[in-house]
Protein backbone atom coordinates (compact mmCIF):
# COMPACT_ATOMS: atom_id res chain seq x y z
CA MET A 1 -195.16 -126.26 -100.72
CA ILE A 2 -191.53 -126.31 -99.62
CA VAL A 3 -189.12 -127.63 -102.23
CA VAL A 4 -185.66 -128.78 -101.10
CA HIS A 5 -183.14 -128.47 -103.90
CA HIS A 6 -181.18 -131.51 -102.84
CA LEU A 7 -177.66 -132.31 -104.00
CA ASN A 8 -176.47 -135.86 -103.34
CA ASN A 9 -173.70 -136.27 -100.76
CA SER A 10 -174.17 -132.78 -99.39
CA ARG A 11 -175.34 -130.74 -96.44
CA SER A 12 -178.84 -130.61 -97.90
CA GLN A 13 -179.39 -134.06 -96.35
CA ARG A 14 -179.73 -132.46 -92.93
CA ILE A 15 -182.43 -130.10 -94.22
CA LEU A 16 -184.45 -133.18 -95.16
CA TRP A 17 -183.83 -134.46 -91.63
CA LEU A 18 -185.06 -131.22 -90.09
CA LEU A 19 -188.21 -131.29 -92.20
CA GLU A 20 -188.86 -134.88 -91.14
CA GLU A 21 -188.48 -133.84 -87.49
CA LEU A 22 -190.85 -130.93 -88.07
CA GLY A 23 -193.39 -133.12 -89.86
CA THR A 24 -193.76 -130.43 -92.52
CA PRO A 25 -194.71 -131.57 -96.04
CA TYR A 26 -192.07 -130.95 -98.70
CA GLU A 27 -190.91 -132.02 -102.13
CA ILE A 28 -187.41 -132.86 -103.31
CA ALA A 29 -185.81 -131.52 -106.49
CA ARG A 30 -182.78 -133.75 -107.07
CA TYR A 31 -179.36 -132.79 -108.42
CA GLN A 32 -176.32 -135.03 -108.95
CA ARG A 33 -172.73 -134.01 -108.43
CA LEU A 34 -170.50 -133.87 -111.48
CA ALA A 35 -167.37 -136.01 -111.81
CA THR A 36 -165.46 -133.03 -110.38
CA ARG A 37 -167.63 -133.30 -107.22
CA LEU A 38 -169.08 -129.88 -107.99
CA ALA A 39 -172.79 -129.15 -108.16
CA PRO A 40 -174.37 -129.15 -111.64
CA PRO A 41 -174.99 -125.79 -113.34
CA GLU A 42 -178.76 -126.30 -113.13
CA LEU A 43 -178.65 -125.20 -109.48
CA LYS A 44 -177.74 -121.68 -110.61
CA ALA A 45 -181.26 -121.35 -111.93
CA VAL A 46 -182.44 -121.64 -108.32
CA HIS A 47 -179.78 -119.46 -106.66
CA PRO A 48 -176.93 -117.49 -108.28
CA LEU A 49 -174.25 -119.32 -106.25
CA GLY A 50 -175.38 -122.66 -107.62
CA LYS A 51 -174.95 -124.44 -104.30
CA SER A 52 -177.05 -126.71 -102.12
CA PRO A 53 -178.92 -126.63 -99.82
CA VAL A 54 -181.46 -124.17 -101.14
CA ILE A 55 -185.16 -124.25 -100.44
CA THR A 56 -188.05 -122.52 -102.13
CA ASP A 57 -191.25 -121.89 -100.19
CA GLY A 58 -193.86 -120.31 -102.39
CA GLY A 59 -192.20 -117.21 -103.81
CA ARG A 60 -189.38 -117.23 -101.24
CA THR A 61 -185.92 -118.66 -101.83
CA VAL A 62 -183.64 -119.32 -98.86
CA ALA A 63 -180.00 -120.41 -99.13
CA GLU A 64 -177.31 -121.24 -96.54
CA SER A 65 -177.78 -124.12 -94.09
CA GLY A 66 -177.96 -121.94 -90.99
CA ALA A 67 -180.46 -119.54 -92.53
CA ILE A 68 -182.62 -122.40 -93.83
CA THR A 69 -182.60 -124.04 -90.40
CA ASP A 70 -183.57 -120.76 -88.75
CA TYR A 71 -186.29 -120.10 -91.32
CA LEU A 72 -187.90 -123.53 -91.10
CA ILE A 73 -187.93 -123.59 -87.30
CA GLU A 74 -189.22 -120.02 -87.07
CA THR A 75 -191.92 -120.61 -89.71
CA TYR A 76 -192.98 -124.20 -89.03
CA GLY A 77 -191.56 -125.13 -85.63
CA ASP A 78 -194.48 -124.02 -83.48
CA GLY A 79 -192.12 -123.32 -80.60
CA ARG A 80 -190.16 -126.56 -81.09
CA PHE A 81 -186.48 -127.12 -81.93
CA ALA A 82 -185.22 -123.78 -80.58
CA PRO A 83 -185.08 -122.33 -77.05
CA ALA A 84 -187.15 -119.33 -76.03
CA ARG A 85 -185.69 -116.12 -77.45
CA GLY A 86 -183.55 -114.03 -75.15
CA THR A 87 -182.78 -116.85 -72.71
CA ASP A 88 -179.27 -118.10 -71.98
CA ASP A 89 -180.07 -121.24 -73.95
CA TRP A 90 -181.18 -119.11 -76.90
CA TRP A 91 -177.81 -117.37 -77.13
CA ARG A 92 -176.03 -120.68 -76.69
CA TYR A 93 -178.16 -122.00 -79.55
CA VAL A 94 -177.32 -119.01 -81.78
CA GLN A 95 -173.61 -119.50 -81.07
CA TRP A 96 -173.80 -123.13 -82.20
CA LEU A 97 -175.68 -122.24 -85.40
CA HIS A 98 -172.89 -119.87 -86.39
CA PHE A 99 -170.12 -122.14 -85.14
CA ALA A 100 -171.29 -125.12 -87.19
CA GLU A 101 -171.10 -123.33 -90.54
CA GLY A 102 -168.29 -120.92 -89.62
CA SER A 103 -165.48 -122.03 -87.35
CA ALA A 104 -166.12 -125.77 -87.49
CA MET A 105 -166.62 -126.30 -91.22
CA THR A 106 -163.76 -124.09 -92.42
CA PRO A 107 -160.86 -126.45 -91.54
CA LEU A 108 -162.89 -129.49 -92.60
CA LEU A 109 -163.39 -127.97 -96.05
CA LEU A 110 -159.71 -127.06 -96.18
CA ALA A 111 -158.88 -130.69 -95.39
CA LEU A 112 -161.06 -131.79 -98.31
CA TYR A 113 -159.32 -129.39 -100.69
CA ALA A 114 -155.89 -130.31 -99.32
CA GLY A 115 -156.64 -133.92 -100.13
CA MET A 116 -157.29 -132.95 -103.73
CA LEU A 117 -154.01 -131.03 -103.93
CA GLY A 118 -151.85 -133.87 -102.65
CA GLU A 119 -148.30 -132.96 -101.65
CA ALA A 120 -148.77 -129.35 -102.71
CA ALA A 121 -150.89 -128.87 -99.57
CA ALA A 122 -148.33 -130.42 -97.20
CA PRO A 123 -147.34 -127.09 -95.54
CA LEU A 124 -150.99 -126.43 -94.62
CA ARG A 125 -151.87 -129.83 -93.21
CA PRO A 126 -150.48 -129.42 -89.66
CA ARG A 127 -152.47 -126.22 -89.14
CA ILE A 128 -155.63 -127.75 -90.61
CA THR A 129 -155.28 -130.84 -88.41
CA GLU A 130 -154.68 -128.72 -85.33
CA GLN A 131 -157.77 -126.60 -85.98
CA ILE A 132 -160.02 -129.62 -86.55
CA ALA A 133 -158.77 -131.19 -83.31
CA ALA A 134 -159.33 -127.95 -81.39
CA HIS A 135 -162.90 -127.57 -82.61
CA LEU A 136 -163.79 -131.19 -81.85
CA ALA A 137 -162.28 -130.89 -78.37
CA PHE A 138 -164.38 -127.77 -77.79
CA MET A 139 -167.53 -129.54 -78.94
CA ALA A 140 -166.82 -132.62 -76.84
CA GLY A 141 -166.17 -130.51 -73.76
CA GLU A 142 -169.36 -128.51 -74.22
CA LEU A 143 -171.49 -131.60 -74.87
CA GLY A 144 -170.11 -133.57 -71.96
CA ASP A 145 -172.52 -136.35 -71.00
CA ARG A 146 -175.61 -134.44 -72.12
CA GLY A 147 -177.95 -135.75 -74.80
CA PHE A 148 -178.04 -132.57 -76.88
CA PHE A 149 -175.94 -129.48 -77.38
CA VAL A 150 -178.63 -127.12 -76.05
CA GLY A 151 -181.22 -127.96 -73.44
CA ASP A 152 -182.89 -131.35 -73.06
CA ASP A 153 -184.34 -131.77 -76.56
CA LEU A 154 -183.20 -131.74 -80.17
CA THR A 155 -182.72 -128.26 -81.62
CA GLY A 156 -181.58 -126.83 -84.92
CA ALA A 157 -178.09 -126.70 -83.44
CA ASP A 158 -178.00 -130.51 -83.34
CA ILE A 159 -179.15 -130.68 -86.96
CA LEU A 160 -176.19 -128.56 -88.07
CA LEU A 161 -173.58 -129.93 -85.66
CA THR A 162 -174.32 -133.55 -86.54
CA PHE A 163 -172.89 -132.93 -90.01
CA VAL A 164 -169.67 -131.59 -88.47
CA VAL A 165 -169.35 -134.77 -86.41
CA GLU A 166 -170.24 -136.94 -89.43
CA VAL A 167 -167.50 -135.38 -91.54
CA SER A 168 -164.99 -135.80 -88.72
CA ARG A 169 -165.60 -139.50 -88.09
CA PRO A 170 -164.00 -140.92 -91.30
CA ARG A 171 -160.88 -138.86 -90.56
CA GLY A 172 -160.49 -140.46 -87.13
CA GLY A 173 -161.46 -137.24 -85.39
CA LEU A 174 -163.83 -138.99 -82.96
CA ASP A 175 -161.28 -141.49 -81.66
CA ALA A 176 -160.39 -139.15 -78.79
CA HIS A 177 -164.00 -138.14 -78.12
CA PRO A 178 -166.25 -141.13 -77.38
CA ASN A 179 -169.05 -138.82 -76.27
CA LEU A 180 -169.20 -137.30 -79.78
CA ALA A 181 -169.20 -140.78 -81.33
CA ALA A 182 -172.08 -141.84 -79.04
CA TYR A 183 -173.92 -138.59 -79.83
CA LEU A 184 -173.62 -139.26 -83.56
CA ASP A 185 -174.97 -142.78 -83.14
CA ARG A 186 -177.96 -141.38 -81.23
CA MET A 187 -178.70 -138.85 -83.95
CA HIS A 188 -178.44 -141.50 -86.65
CA ALA A 189 -180.87 -143.72 -84.75
CA ARG A 190 -183.62 -141.09 -84.74
CA PRO A 191 -186.59 -142.21 -86.87
CA ALA A 192 -186.73 -138.83 -88.63
CA TYR A 193 -183.05 -139.14 -89.59
CA GLN A 194 -183.70 -142.58 -91.04
CA ARG A 195 -186.73 -141.35 -93.00
CA ALA A 196 -184.64 -138.51 -94.42
CA LEU A 197 -182.03 -141.00 -95.62
CA GLU A 198 -184.69 -143.08 -97.33
CA LYS A 199 -186.06 -140.05 -99.14
CA GLY A 200 -182.75 -138.32 -99.86
CA GLY A 201 -181.01 -141.32 -101.38
CA GLU A 202 -177.26 -141.68 -101.77
CA TYR A 203 -175.38 -140.08 -98.91
CA GLU A 204 -171.63 -140.52 -98.65
CA ILE A 205 -169.38 -138.14 -96.76
CA LEU A 206 -166.86 -136.63 -99.17
CA ARG A 207 -163.27 -137.03 -97.99
């Protein structure tokens, strides 16, 4: 049985969403953030970094959102949620998996930390803001008027990229990109997304 080690208000929420889309049975082990917003030390018993998401599947432990997404689709997807390997869409898909957790999330995390630092982070803010805007413009241009980022159906890329768009919305990052705002609304309306929210519990984007 898959166990999702689920931290409230975190990226592990989208792993629950993916599992709901897959229709794969799973259990949730719940962890609550400390007052510092950090994960509790109990998570280190699951993975040395003490972060979420982490899943265990029998004797296998998988960390990192992109790796977990890849693992679940490869193991339980039955050909769904990823393009055929070696095709142009496959490489586009791989690019988005890496982009979501690499290029896109880096400035968003820096913005979160800058907010904690207050005026001490003032010299960094223009660069952070510029990078967030550049990444959102890239995403909006690539999405265009299409329903999904790759192909004609939901893929693991959408699971990961939705979080990037979610984090950007409270900061006003979608004001210039109505197609991203509409995309996010479509993802939120998916029955599997709604079921994941019901099972995952509290979910508030940290700012």
